[in-house]
Amino acid sequence: MNDLNYYVNEYAIIDKNVTIGDNTKIWHFSHIQSGSTLGVNCSVGQNVNIGNNVNIGNNVKIQNNVSVYEGVELEDYVFCGPSMVFTNILLPRCEFPQKGSKFYQKTLVKKSASIGANATIVCGTEIGAYALIGAGTVITKNVPDFALVVGNPGKIIGWVNKKGERLKFDRNGKSECKNYLKHDNIVKYLDF
């Protein structure tokens, strides 16, 4: 650690006008672009690009070879697996470039969601809190809280608890542990 209370590898590039929280680590060949904010206790792996004006919450882990483009926001405790992909333009064309944030579709990854290795998140979507996106999955529409999603295109195949363990529900929609309720394909955590 240095006197700035975070670690940046000597081969990383940090642009001006970037905010980095305490105890965050940025590893080699990564680039944090202007206007971005990283919270406390984050880990930014090797060869990661954080685009301009990206907001990343606290305790976020971004594995190697991930680009978090402008228009993407990661809330606290989000996990981005190795080589997973975010997009920010729906109809990219080299002949007719769409430059600038007015063209970017927003993507929000909510608290504690996990995205597996090599998954692709198409822009304009929202990934719910505690959702679990399987490796190689392609997300083309919004994902509800606690959903377990796999495939191309991604489909909900089940539900997980806050720790990522599969949930089972009785016919009244109550989980075996009694902490979760499923109704109309929405799962809620029951805060006692």
N, C-alpha and C. Protein backbone atom coordinates (compact mmCIF):
# COMPACT_ATOMS: atom_id res chain seq x y z
N MET A 1 0.85 -1.19 0.00
CA MET A 1 0.00 0.00 0.00
C MET A 1 0.89 1.25 0.00
N ASN A 2 0.34 2.32 -0.50
CA ASN A 2 1.08 3.59 -0.51
C ASN A 2 0.38 4.58 0.42
N ASP A 3 0.88 5.81 0.45
CA ASP A 3 0.28 6.80 1.33
C ASP A 3 -1.11 7.24 0.88
N LEU A 4 -1.55 6.78 -0.28
CA LEU A 4 -2.89 7.10 -0.77
C LEU A 4 -3.94 6.10 -0.26
N ASN A 5 -3.51 5.07 0.47
CA ASN A 5 -4.40 4.07 1.06
C ASN A 5 -5.06 3.14 0.04
N TYR A 6 -4.50 3.05 -1.15
CA TYR A 6 -4.91 2.05 -2.12
C TYR A 6 -3.67 1.64 -2.91
N TYR A 7 -3.78 0.52 -3.65
CA TYR A 7 -2.63 0.00 -4.39
C TYR A 7 -2.89 0.09 -5.89
N VAL A 8 -1.92 0.62 -6.61
CA VAL A 8 -1.96 0.64 -8.07
C VAL A 8 -0.66 0.06 -8.57
N ASN A 9 -0.73 -1.02 -9.33
CA ASN A 9 0.46 -1.64 -9.90
C ASN A 9 1.17 -0.64 -10.82
N GLU A 10 2.49 -0.72 -10.87
CA GLU A 10 3.26 0.24 -11.67
C GLU A 10 2.92 0.19 -13.16
N TYR A 11 2.32 -0.90 -13.64
CA TYR A 11 1.96 -1.02 -15.05
C TYR A 11 0.50 -0.67 -15.33
N ALA A 12 -0.22 -0.22 -14.34
CA ALA A 12 -1.60 0.23 -14.53
C ALA A 12 -1.59 1.71 -14.91
N ILE A 13 -2.67 2.15 -15.56
CA ILE A 13 -2.81 3.56 -15.95
C ILE A 13 -4.05 4.12 -15.26
N ILE A 14 -3.86 5.21 -14.53
CA ILE A 14 -4.96 5.89 -13.87
C ILE A 14 -5.04 7.30 -14.45
N ASP A 15 -6.13 7.62 -15.13
CA ASP A 15 -6.30 8.96 -15.70
C ASP A 15 -6.56 9.98 -14.59
N LYS A 16 -6.57 11.24 -14.97
CA LYS A 16 -6.91 12.31 -14.03
C LYS A 16 -8.40 12.26 -13.73
N ASN A 17 -8.77 12.86 -12.61
CA ASN A 17 -10.17 12.98 -12.21
C ASN A 17 -10.80 11.61 -11.95
N VAL A 18 -10.08 10.75 -11.23
CA VAL A 18 -10.56 9.43 -10.84
C VAL A 18 -10.57 9.38 -9.32
N THR A 19 -11.61 8.78 -8.74
CA THR A 19 -11.68 8.59 -7.30
C THR A 19 -11.55 7.11 -6.99
N ILE A 20 -10.60 6.79 -6.10
CA ILE A 20 -10.34 5.40 -5.73
C ILE A 20 -10.44 5.28 -4.21
N GLY A 21 -11.27 4.36 -3.73
CA GLY A 21 -11.49 4.19 -2.30
C GLY A 21 -10.36 3.46 -1.61
N ASP A 22 -10.31 3.60 -0.30
CA ASP A 22 -9.30 2.95 0.53
C ASP A 22 -9.30 1.44 0.32
N ASN A 23 -8.11 0.86 0.40
CA ASN A 23 -7.88 -0.59 0.31
C ASN A 23 -8.25 -1.21 -1.02
N THR A 24 -8.50 -0.40 -2.03
CA THR A 24 -8.76 -0.93 -3.37
C THR A 24 -7.42 -1.27 -4.01
N LYS A 25 -7.43 -2.35 -4.80
CA LYS A 25 -6.21 -2.80 -5.49
C LYS A 25 -6.47 -2.84 -6.98
N ILE A 26 -5.55 -2.25 -7.76
CA ILE A 26 -5.64 -2.22 -9.21
C ILE A 26 -4.38 -2.86 -9.75
N TRP A 27 -4.56 -3.97 -10.48
CA TRP A 27 -3.42 -4.78 -10.91
C TRP A 27 -2.92 -4.38 -12.29
N HIS A 28 -1.86 -5.04 -12.74
CA HIS A 28 -1.11 -4.62 -13.93
C HIS A 28 -1.94 -4.66 -15.22
N PHE A 29 -1.58 -3.73 -16.10
CA PHE A 29 -2.16 -3.54 -17.43
C PHE A 29 -3.62 -3.11 -17.39
N SER A 30 -4.09 -2.63 -16.25
CA SER A 30 -5.45 -2.11 -16.15
C SER A 30 -5.45 -0.62 -16.37
N HIS A 31 -6.60 -0.09 -16.83
CA HIS A 31 -6.73 1.33 -17.15
C HIS A 31 -8.03 1.84 -16.53
N ILE A 32 -7.92 2.85 -15.69
CA ILE A 32 -9.08 3.50 -15.08
C ILE A 32 -9.21 4.87 -15.73
N GLN A 33 -10.31 5.09 -16.46
CA GLN A 33 -10.46 6.31 -17.25
C GLN A 33 -11.11 7.44 -16.45
N SER A 34 -10.97 8.63 -16.96
CA SER A 34 -11.37 9.87 -16.32
C SER A 34 -12.84 9.86 -15.90
N GLY A 35 -13.08 10.43 -14.72
CA GLY A 35 -14.44 10.59 -14.21
C GLY A 35 -14.99 9.36 -13.50
N SER A 36 -14.21 8.29 -13.43
CA SER A 36 -14.69 7.06 -12.80
C SER A 36 -14.49 7.10 -11.29
N THR A 37 -15.33 6.35 -10.59
CA THR A 37 -15.26 6.23 -9.14
C THR A 37 -15.25 4.76 -8.76
N LEU A 38 -14.28 4.36 -7.95
CA LEU A 38 -14.21 3.01 -7.40
C LEU A 38 -14.31 3.13 -5.89
N GLY A 39 -15.16 2.31 -5.29
CA GLY A 39 -15.37 2.35 -3.85
C GLY A 39 -14.22 1.73 -3.08
N VAL A 40 -14.45 1.50 -1.80
CA VAL A 40 -13.44 0.91 -0.92
C VAL A 40 -13.39 -0.60 -1.11
N ASN A 41 -12.23 -1.18 -0.82
CA ASN A 41 -12.02 -2.64 -0.81
C ASN A 41 -12.36 -3.32 -2.13
N CYS A 42 -12.14 -2.65 -3.24
CA CYS A 42 -12.38 -3.25 -4.55
C CYS A 42 -11.11 -3.94 -5.03
N SER A 43 -11.28 -4.92 -5.91
CA SER A 43 -10.16 -5.58 -6.56
C SER A 43 -10.39 -5.52 -8.06
N VAL A 44 -9.46 -4.88 -8.76
CA VAL A 44 -9.51 -4.75 -10.21
C VAL A 44 -8.37 -5.58 -10.77
N GLY A 45 -8.70 -6.69 -11.42
CA GLY A 45 -7.70 -7.64 -11.89
C GLY A 45 -6.85 -7.14 -13.03
N GLN A 46 -6.07 -8.05 -13.56
CA GLN A 46 -5.16 -7.76 -14.67
C GLN A 46 -5.95 -7.46 -15.94
N ASN A 47 -5.47 -6.45 -16.72
CA ASN A 47 -6.01 -6.15 -18.04
C ASN A 47 -7.49 -5.78 -17.99
N VAL A 48 -7.87 -4.97 -17.01
CA VAL A 48 -9.24 -4.49 -16.88
C VAL A 48 -9.30 -3.05 -17.35
N ASN A 49 -10.36 -2.69 -18.06
CA ASN A 49 -10.59 -1.31 -18.47
C ASN A 49 -11.87 -0.81 -17.81
N ILE A 50 -11.75 0.29 -17.07
CA ILE A 50 -12.91 0.96 -16.49
C ILE A 50 -13.10 2.23 -17.30
N GLY A 51 -14.21 2.31 -18.03
CA GLY A 51 -14.46 3.44 -18.93
C GLY A 51 -14.69 4.75 -18.21
N ASN A 52 -14.82 5.81 -18.98
CA ASN A 52 -15.08 7.14 -18.45
C ASN A 52 -16.40 7.15 -17.67
N ASN A 53 -16.40 7.86 -16.56
CA ASN A 53 -17.62 8.15 -15.80
C ASN A 53 -18.36 6.92 -15.28
N VAL A 54 -17.64 5.84 -15.03
CA VAL A 54 -18.24 4.62 -14.49
C VAL A 54 -18.24 4.68 -12.97
N ASN A 55 -19.35 4.27 -12.36
CA ASN A 55 -19.45 4.22 -10.91
C ASN A 55 -19.43 2.77 -10.45
N ILE A 56 -18.47 2.48 -9.58
CA ILE A 56 -18.31 1.14 -9.02
C ILE A 56 -18.41 1.25 -7.51
N GLY A 57 -19.25 0.44 -6.91
CA GLY A 57 -19.50 0.49 -5.48
C GLY A 57 -18.36 -0.06 -4.65
N ASN A 58 -18.65 -0.37 -3.40
CA ASN A 58 -17.67 -0.90 -2.46
C ASN A 58 -17.60 -2.42 -2.55
N ASN A 59 -16.42 -2.97 -2.25
CA ASN A 59 -16.22 -4.42 -2.16
C ASN A 59 -16.56 -5.15 -3.46
N VAL A 60 -16.29 -4.52 -4.58
CA VAL A 60 -16.54 -5.10 -5.90
C VAL A 60 -15.28 -5.82 -6.36
N LYS A 61 -15.46 -7.00 -6.97
CA LYS A 61 -14.32 -7.74 -7.50
C LYS A 61 -14.51 -7.90 -9.01
N ILE A 62 -13.56 -7.36 -9.77
CA ILE A 62 -13.59 -7.46 -11.22
C ILE A 62 -12.38 -8.29 -11.63
N GLN A 63 -12.63 -9.49 -12.15
CA GLN A 63 -11.56 -10.40 -12.51
C GLN A 63 -10.87 -9.96 -13.81
N ASN A 64 -9.86 -10.69 -14.22
CA ASN A 64 -9.04 -10.34 -15.38
C ASN A 64 -9.84 -10.21 -16.66
N ASN A 65 -9.36 -9.30 -17.53
CA ASN A 65 -9.85 -9.15 -18.91
C ASN A 65 -11.30 -8.70 -19.02
N VAL A 66 -11.73 -7.81 -18.15
CA VAL A 66 -13.10 -7.29 -18.19
C VAL A 66 -13.04 -5.81 -18.53
N SER A 67 -13.94 -5.36 -19.42
CA SER A 67 -14.10 -3.93 -19.70
C SER A 67 -15.46 -3.49 -19.18
N VAL A 68 -15.43 -2.49 -18.31
CA VAL A 68 -16.66 -1.92 -17.76
C VAL A 68 -16.84 -0.58 -18.46
N TYR A 69 -17.66 -0.55 -19.49
CA TYR A 69 -17.80 0.63 -20.34
C TYR A 69 -18.68 1.70 -19.71
N GLU A 70 -18.52 2.93 -20.20
CA GLU A 70 -19.38 4.03 -19.77
C GLU A 70 -20.84 3.64 -19.99
N GLY A 71 -21.66 3.94 -19.00
CA GLY A 71 -23.06 3.55 -19.04
C GLY A 71 -23.36 2.36 -18.15
N VAL A 72 -22.30 1.69 -17.65
CA VAL A 72 -22.46 0.54 -16.76
C VAL A 72 -22.22 1.01 -15.33
N GLU A 73 -23.07 0.58 -14.41
CA GLU A 73 -22.89 0.87 -12.99
C GLU A 73 -22.93 -0.43 -12.20
N LEU A 74 -21.97 -0.59 -11.29
CA LEU A 74 -21.89 -1.76 -10.43
C LEU A 74 -22.10 -1.33 -8.99
N GLU A 75 -23.12 -1.87 -8.34
CA GLU A 75 -23.36 -1.57 -6.94
C GLU A 75 -22.42 -2.37 -6.05
N ASP A 76 -22.55 -2.24 -4.74
CA ASP A 76 -21.67 -2.90 -3.78
C ASP A 76 -21.68 -4.43 -3.94
N TYR A 77 -20.52 -5.04 -3.69
CA TYR A 77 -20.32 -6.50 -3.63
C TYR A 77 -20.58 -7.23 -4.95
N VAL A 78 -20.58 -6.54 -6.05
CA VAL A 78 -20.75 -7.21 -7.35
C VAL A 78 -19.48 -7.98 -7.69
N PHE A 79 -19.66 -9.17 -8.28
CA PHE A 79 -18.55 -9.99 -8.75
C PHE A 79 -18.65 -10.12 -10.28
N CYS A 80 -17.58 -9.76 -10.97
CA CYS A 80 -17.49 -9.90 -12.42
C CYS A 80 -16.42 -10.94 -12.73
N GLY A 81 -16.83 -12.10 -13.25
CA GLY A 81 -15.91 -13.19 -13.52
C GLY A 81 -14.98 -12.90 -14.68
N PRO A 82 -13.92 -13.71 -14.82
CA PRO A 82 -12.90 -13.49 -15.84
C PRO A 82 -13.50 -13.42 -17.25
N SER A 83 -13.07 -12.43 -18.00
CA SER A 83 -13.40 -12.26 -19.42
C SER A 83 -14.88 -12.11 -19.70
N MET A 84 -15.69 -11.75 -18.69
CA MET A 84 -17.09 -11.47 -18.99
C MET A 84 -17.15 -10.12 -19.71
N VAL A 85 -18.27 -9.87 -20.40
CA VAL A 85 -18.35 -8.73 -21.32
C VAL A 85 -19.58 -7.87 -21.02
N PHE A 86 -19.36 -6.57 -20.93
CA PHE A 86 -20.45 -5.60 -20.94
C PHE A 86 -20.46 -4.92 -22.32
N THR A 87 -21.63 -4.49 -22.78
CA THR A 87 -21.73 -3.67 -23.98
C THR A 87 -22.38 -2.36 -23.58
N ASN A 88 -22.31 -1.35 -24.46
CA ASN A 88 -23.01 -0.11 -24.14
C ASN A 88 -23.73 0.52 -25.34
N ILE A 89 -23.62 -0.09 -26.52
CA ILE A 89 -24.34 0.37 -27.71
C ILE A 89 -25.06 -0.83 -28.32
N LEU A 90 -26.36 -0.66 -28.64
CA LEU A 90 -27.14 -1.78 -29.16
C LEU A 90 -26.88 -2.08 -30.64
N LEU A 91 -26.62 -1.05 -31.43
CA LEU A 91 -26.42 -1.24 -32.87
C LEU A 91 -25.09 -0.64 -33.30
N PRO A 92 -23.98 -1.27 -32.95
CA PRO A 92 -22.68 -0.68 -33.31
C PRO A 92 -22.40 -0.80 -34.81
N ARG A 93 -21.93 0.28 -35.40
CA ARG A 93 -21.56 0.31 -36.81
C ARG A 93 -20.30 1.16 -36.96
N CYS A 94 -19.27 0.58 -37.53
CA CYS A 94 -18.03 1.33 -37.77
C CYS A 94 -18.26 2.45 -38.79
N GLU A 95 -19.09 2.18 -39.80
CA GLU A 95 -19.33 3.18 -40.84
C GLU A 95 -20.12 4.37 -40.31
N PHE A 96 -20.97 4.13 -39.31
CA PHE A 96 -21.80 5.18 -38.73
C PHE A 96 -21.56 5.22 -37.22
N PRO A 97 -20.41 5.76 -36.81
CA PRO A 97 -20.04 5.70 -35.39
C PRO A 97 -21.02 6.46 -34.49
N GLN A 98 -21.22 5.88 -33.33
CA GLN A 98 -22.07 6.49 -32.31
C GLN A 98 -21.18 6.82 -31.12
N LYS A 99 -20.65 8.02 -31.10
CA LYS A 99 -19.71 8.39 -30.04
C LYS A 99 -20.40 9.29 -29.03
N GLY A 100 -20.07 9.07 -27.78
CA GLY A 100 -20.59 9.91 -26.71
C GLY A 100 -21.69 9.25 -25.93
N SER A 101 -21.84 9.72 -24.70
CA SER A 101 -22.75 9.07 -23.76
C SER A 101 -24.22 9.14 -24.18
N LYS A 102 -24.59 10.04 -25.06
CA LYS A 102 -26.00 10.10 -25.48
C LYS A 102 -26.43 8.83 -26.23
N PHE A 103 -25.46 8.08 -26.75
CA PHE A 103 -25.76 6.84 -27.47
C PHE A 103 -25.73 5.60 -26.58
N TYR A 104 -25.21 5.74 -25.36
CA TYR A 104 -25.00 4.57 -24.52
C TYR A 104 -26.28 4.15 -23.81
N GLN A 105 -26.56 2.86 -23.84
CA GLN A 105 -27.68 2.29 -23.10
C GLN A 105 -27.18 1.94 -21.70
N LYS A 106 -27.92 2.31 -20.69
CA LYS A 106 -27.50 2.08 -19.31
C LYS A 106 -27.66 0.61 -18.90
N THR A 107 -26.72 0.15 -18.11
CA THR A 107 -26.77 -1.18 -17.51
C THR A 107 -26.50 -1.02 -16.02
N LEU A 108 -27.34 -1.63 -15.20
CA LEU A 108 -27.18 -1.57 -13.76
C LEU A 108 -27.05 -2.99 -13.22
N VAL A 109 -25.98 -3.23 -12.46
CA VAL A 109 -25.80 -4.50 -11.77
C VAL A 109 -25.97 -4.21 -10.28
N LYS A 110 -27.03 -4.76 -9.70
CA LYS A 110 -27.38 -4.43 -8.33
C LYS A 110 -26.55 -5.21 -7.30
N LYS A 111 -26.70 -4.82 -6.07
CA LYS A 111 -25.91 -5.32 -4.95
C LYS A 111 -25.76 -6.84 -4.95
N SER A 112 -24.52 -7.27 -4.80
CA SER A 112 -24.16 -8.67 -4.57
C SER A 112 -24.49 -9.62 -5.72
N ALA A 113 -24.79 -9.09 -6.90
CA ALA A 113 -24.98 -9.96 -8.06
C ALA A 113 -23.63 -10.52 -8.48
N SER A 114 -23.63 -11.74 -9.02
CA SER A 114 -22.40 -12.38 -9.52
C SER A 114 -22.59 -12.75 -10.98
N ILE A 115 -21.59 -12.42 -11.78
CA ILE A 115 -21.61 -12.70 -13.21
C ILE A 115 -20.46 -13.63 -13.52
N GLY A 116 -20.76 -14.80 -14.07
CA GLY A 116 -19.76 -15.83 -14.32
C GLY A 116 -18.83 -15.51 -15.48
N ALA A 117 -17.75 -16.27 -15.57
CA ALA A 117 -16.74 -16.10 -16.60
C ALA A 117 -17.35 -16.18 -18.00
N ASN A 118 -16.89 -15.31 -18.87
CA ASN A 118 -17.29 -15.29 -20.28
C ASN A 118 -18.77 -15.01 -20.53
N ALA A 119 -19.50 -14.55 -19.53
CA ALA A 119 -20.88 -14.14 -19.75
C ALA A 119 -20.89 -12.82 -20.52
N THR A 120 -21.98 -12.55 -21.23
CA THR A 120 -22.14 -11.29 -21.96
C THR A 120 -23.41 -10.61 -21.47
N ILE A 121 -23.28 -9.34 -21.10
CA ILE A 121 -24.42 -8.56 -20.62
C ILE A 121 -24.73 -7.52 -21.69
N VAL A 122 -25.83 -7.71 -22.43
CA VAL A 122 -26.22 -6.76 -23.46
C VAL A 122 -26.75 -5.50 -22.76
N CYS A 123 -26.34 -4.34 -23.26
CA CYS A 123 -26.67 -3.08 -22.60
C CYS A 123 -28.17 -2.83 -22.55
N GLY A 124 -28.54 -1.95 -21.64
CA GLY A 124 -29.94 -1.62 -21.44
C GLY A 124 -30.65 -2.57 -20.51
N THR A 125 -29.89 -3.39 -19.79
CA THR A 125 -30.49 -4.37 -18.89
C THR A 125 -30.14 -4.05 -17.45
N GLU A 126 -30.89 -4.67 -16.56
CA GLU A 126 -30.64 -4.55 -15.12
C GLU A 126 -30.53 -5.96 -14.55
N ILE A 127 -29.48 -6.16 -13.77
CA ILE A 127 -29.27 -7.45 -13.10
C ILE A 127 -29.64 -7.24 -11.64
N GLY A 128 -30.59 -8.01 -11.15
CA GLY A 128 -31.12 -7.82 -9.81
C GLY A 128 -30.14 -8.20 -8.71
N ALA A 129 -30.45 -7.73 -7.51
CA ALA A 129 -29.63 -8.00 -6.33
C ALA A 129 -29.53 -9.51 -6.11
N TYR A 130 -28.33 -9.97 -5.79
CA TYR A 130 -28.03 -11.36 -5.46
C TYR A 130 -28.27 -12.34 -6.61
N ALA A 131 -28.55 -11.83 -7.81
CA ALA A 131 -28.72 -12.72 -8.96
C ALA A 131 -27.40 -13.41 -9.25
N LEU A 132 -27.49 -14.59 -9.85
CA LEU A 132 -26.32 -15.37 -10.21
C LEU A 132 -26.40 -15.70 -11.69
N ILE A 133 -25.46 -15.17 -12.46
CA ILE A 133 -25.41 -15.36 -13.90
C ILE A 133 -24.34 -16.40 -14.19
N GLY A 134 -24.73 -17.52 -14.80
CA GLY A 134 -23.80 -18.62 -15.04
C GLY A 134 -22.75 -18.27 -16.09
N ALA A 135 -21.64 -19.00 -16.05
CA ALA A 135 -20.55 -18.80 -17.01
C ALA A 135 -21.08 -18.98 -18.43
N GLY A 136 -20.68 -18.06 -19.31
CA GLY A 136 -21.05 -18.14 -20.72
C GLY A 136 -22.46 -17.70 -21.05
N THR A 137 -23.22 -17.25 -20.07
CA THR A 137 -24.61 -16.83 -20.29
C THR A 137 -24.66 -15.51 -21.04
N VAL A 138 -25.67 -15.34 -21.89
CA VAL A 138 -25.89 -14.09 -22.60
C VAL A 138 -27.18 -13.46 -22.07
N ILE A 139 -27.05 -12.32 -21.42
CA ILE A 139 -28.20 -11.62 -20.83
C ILE A 139 -28.72 -10.59 -21.82
N THR A 140 -29.99 -10.76 -22.23
CA THR A 140 -30.61 -9.86 -23.20
C THR A 140 -31.81 -9.10 -22.63
N LYS A 141 -32.19 -9.44 -21.39
CA LYS A 141 -33.31 -8.74 -20.74
C LYS A 141 -33.06 -8.68 -19.24
N ASN A 142 -33.87 -7.91 -18.55
CA ASN A 142 -33.69 -7.72 -17.11
C ASN A 142 -33.76 -9.04 -16.36
N VAL A 143 -32.95 -9.11 -15.29
CA VAL A 143 -32.88 -10.29 -14.44
C VAL A 143 -33.39 -9.89 -13.05
N PRO A 144 -34.38 -10.62 -12.51
CA PRO A 144 -34.89 -10.25 -11.18
C PRO A 144 -33.92 -10.63 -10.05
N ASP A 145 -34.16 -10.04 -8.89
CA ASP A 145 -33.39 -10.37 -7.69
C ASP A 145 -33.41 -11.88 -7.45
N PHE A 146 -32.28 -12.43 -7.00
CA PHE A 146 -32.13 -13.81 -6.56
C PHE A 146 -32.26 -14.85 -7.70
N ALA A 147 -32.35 -14.41 -8.96
CA ALA A 147 -32.52 -15.36 -10.07
C ALA A 147 -31.21 -16.06 -10.40
N LEU A 148 -31.31 -17.32 -10.78
CA LEU A 148 -30.20 -18.11 -11.31
C LEU A 148 -30.45 -18.23 -12.81
N VAL A 149 -29.55 -17.64 -13.61
CA VAL A 149 -29.76 -17.54 -15.05
C VAL A 149 -28.60 -18.20 -15.79
N VAL A 150 -28.94 -19.04 -16.79
CA VAL A 150 -27.92 -19.67 -17.63
C VAL A 150 -28.41 -19.71 -19.07
N GLY A 151 -27.47 -19.91 -20.01
CA GLY A 151 -27.81 -20.17 -21.39
C GLY A 151 -27.71 -18.97 -22.30
N ASN A 152 -28.03 -19.22 -23.59
CA ASN A 152 -27.99 -18.19 -24.63
C ASN A 152 -29.24 -18.33 -25.49
N PRO A 153 -30.21 -17.42 -25.35
CA PRO A 153 -30.22 -16.31 -24.39
C PRO A 153 -30.46 -16.83 -22.96
N GLY A 154 -30.08 -16.02 -21.99
CA GLY A 154 -30.21 -16.42 -20.59
C GLY A 154 -31.64 -16.70 -20.19
N LYS A 155 -31.82 -17.78 -19.46
CA LYS A 155 -33.14 -18.15 -18.94
C LYS A 155 -33.02 -18.45 -17.45
N ILE A 156 -34.05 -18.09 -16.71
CA ILE A 156 -34.09 -18.38 -15.27
C ILE A 156 -34.33 -19.87 -15.10
N ILE A 157 -33.39 -20.53 -14.41
CA ILE A 157 -33.56 -21.97 -14.15
C ILE A 157 -33.78 -22.27 -12.68
N GLY A 158 -33.76 -21.23 -11.86
CA GLY A 158 -33.97 -21.42 -10.43
C GLY A 158 -33.72 -20.12 -9.69
N TRP A 159 -33.60 -20.27 -8.39
CA TRP A 159 -33.45 -19.12 -7.50
C TRP A 159 -32.37 -19.43 -6.48
N VAL A 160 -31.67 -18.39 -6.02
CA VAL A 160 -30.59 -18.57 -5.05
C VAL A 160 -30.80 -17.63 -3.86
N ASN A 161 -30.19 -18.02 -2.74
CA ASN A 161 -30.25 -17.16 -1.57
C ASN A 161 -29.09 -16.15 -1.61
N LYS A 162 -28.94 -15.39 -0.55
CA LYS A 162 -27.90 -14.36 -0.53
C LYS A 162 -26.50 -14.93 -0.68
N LYS A 163 -26.28 -16.19 -0.27
CA LYS A 163 -24.97 -16.82 -0.41
C LYS A 163 -24.79 -17.52 -1.76
N GLY A 164 -25.82 -17.53 -2.59
CA GLY A 164 -25.73 -18.17 -3.89
C GLY A 164 -26.16 -19.62 -3.93
N GLU A 165 -26.72 -20.12 -2.82
CA GLU A 165 -27.17 -21.50 -2.74
C GLU A 165 -28.59 -21.61 -3.30
N ARG A 166 -28.87 -22.73 -3.97
CA ARG A 166 -30.19 -22.94 -4.58
C ARG A 166 -31.29 -22.92 -3.53
N LEU A 167 -32.39 -22.30 -3.89
CA LEU A 167 -33.57 -22.24 -3.04
C LEU A 167 -34.63 -23.22 -3.54
N LYS A 168 -35.36 -23.82 -2.61
CA LYS A 168 -36.52 -24.64 -2.94
C LYS A 168 -37.71 -24.03 -2.23
N PHE A 169 -38.86 -24.04 -2.91
CA PHE A 169 -40.06 -23.41 -2.37
C PHE A 169 -41.19 -24.43 -2.27
N ASP A 170 -42.03 -24.26 -1.23
CA ASP A 170 -43.21 -25.10 -1.12
C ASP A 170 -44.30 -24.53 -2.04
N ARG A 171 -45.45 -25.16 -2.10
CA ARG A 171 -46.49 -24.71 -3.03
C ARG A 171 -47.09 -23.36 -2.65
N ASN A 172 -46.83 -22.89 -1.44
CA ASN A 172 -47.26 -21.56 -1.03
C ASN A 172 -46.21 -20.49 -1.33
N GLY A 173 -45.09 -20.91 -1.91
CA GLY A 173 -44.04 -19.96 -2.28
C GLY A 173 -43.05 -19.65 -1.18
N LYS A 174 -43.11 -20.38 -0.09
CA LYS A 174 -42.19 -20.15 1.03
C LYS A 174 -40.98 -21.07 0.87
N SER A 175 -39.78 -20.51 1.09
CA SER A 175 -38.57 -21.32 0.99
C SER A 175 -38.45 -22.26 2.18
N GLU A 176 -37.66 -23.33 2.00
CA GLU A 176 -37.46 -24.30 3.09
C GLU A 176 -36.91 -23.63 4.34
N CYS A 177 -36.04 -22.64 4.16
CA CYS A 177 -35.44 -21.95 5.31
C CYS A 177 -36.37 -20.88 5.87
N LYS A 178 -37.50 -20.64 5.20
CA LYS A 178 -38.53 -19.66 5.62
C LYS A 178 -38.09 -18.21 5.49
N ASN A 179 -36.92 -17.94 4.89
CA ASN A 179 -36.43 -16.57 4.76
C ASN A 179 -36.78 -15.91 3.43
N TYR A 180 -37.32 -16.69 2.48
CA TYR A 180 -37.60 -16.16 1.14
C TYR A 180 -39.02 -16.53 0.74
N LEU A 181 -39.64 -15.63 -0.03
CA LEU A 181 -40.99 -15.86 -0.53
C LEU A 181 -41.01 -15.62 -2.03
N LYS A 182 -41.57 -16.58 -2.79
CA LYS A 182 -41.69 -16.45 -4.24
C LYS A 182 -43.15 -16.28 -4.60
N HIS A 183 -43.44 -15.21 -5.37
CA HIS A 183 -44.79 -14.95 -5.83
C HIS A 183 -44.71 -14.27 -7.19
N ASP A 184 -45.43 -14.80 -8.17
CA ASP A 184 -45.43 -14.24 -9.53
C ASP A 184 -44.03 -14.07 -10.10
N ASN A 185 -43.19 -15.09 -9.91
CA ASN A 185 -41.82 -15.11 -10.44
C ASN A 185 -40.95 -13.98 -9.88
N ILE A 186 -41.26 -13.56 -8.67
CA ILE A 186 -40.44 -12.59 -7.94
C ILE A 186 -40.11 -13.20 -6.58
N VAL A 187 -38.83 -13.14 -6.21
CA VAL A 187 -38.41 -13.66 -4.92
C VAL A 187 -38.03 -12.49 -4.02
N LYS A 188 -38.54 -12.55 -2.80
CA LYS A 188 -38.23 -11.50 -1.82
C LYS A 188 -37.63 -12.14 -0.59
N TYR A 189 -36.66 -11.42 -0.01
CA TYR A 189 -36.07 -11.83 1.25
C TYR A 189 -36.95 -11.29 2.37
N LEU A 190 -37.34 -12.16 3.28
CA LEU A 190 -38.19 -11.76 4.39
C LEU A 190 -37.30 -11.31 5.55
N ASP A 191 -37.26 -10.04 5.79
CA ASP A 191 -36.42 -9.47 6.85
C ASP A 191 -37.18 -9.51 8.15
N PHE A 192 -36.83 -10.46 9.02
CA PHE A 192 -37.56 -10.64 10.28
C PHE A 192 -37.10 -9.66 11.31
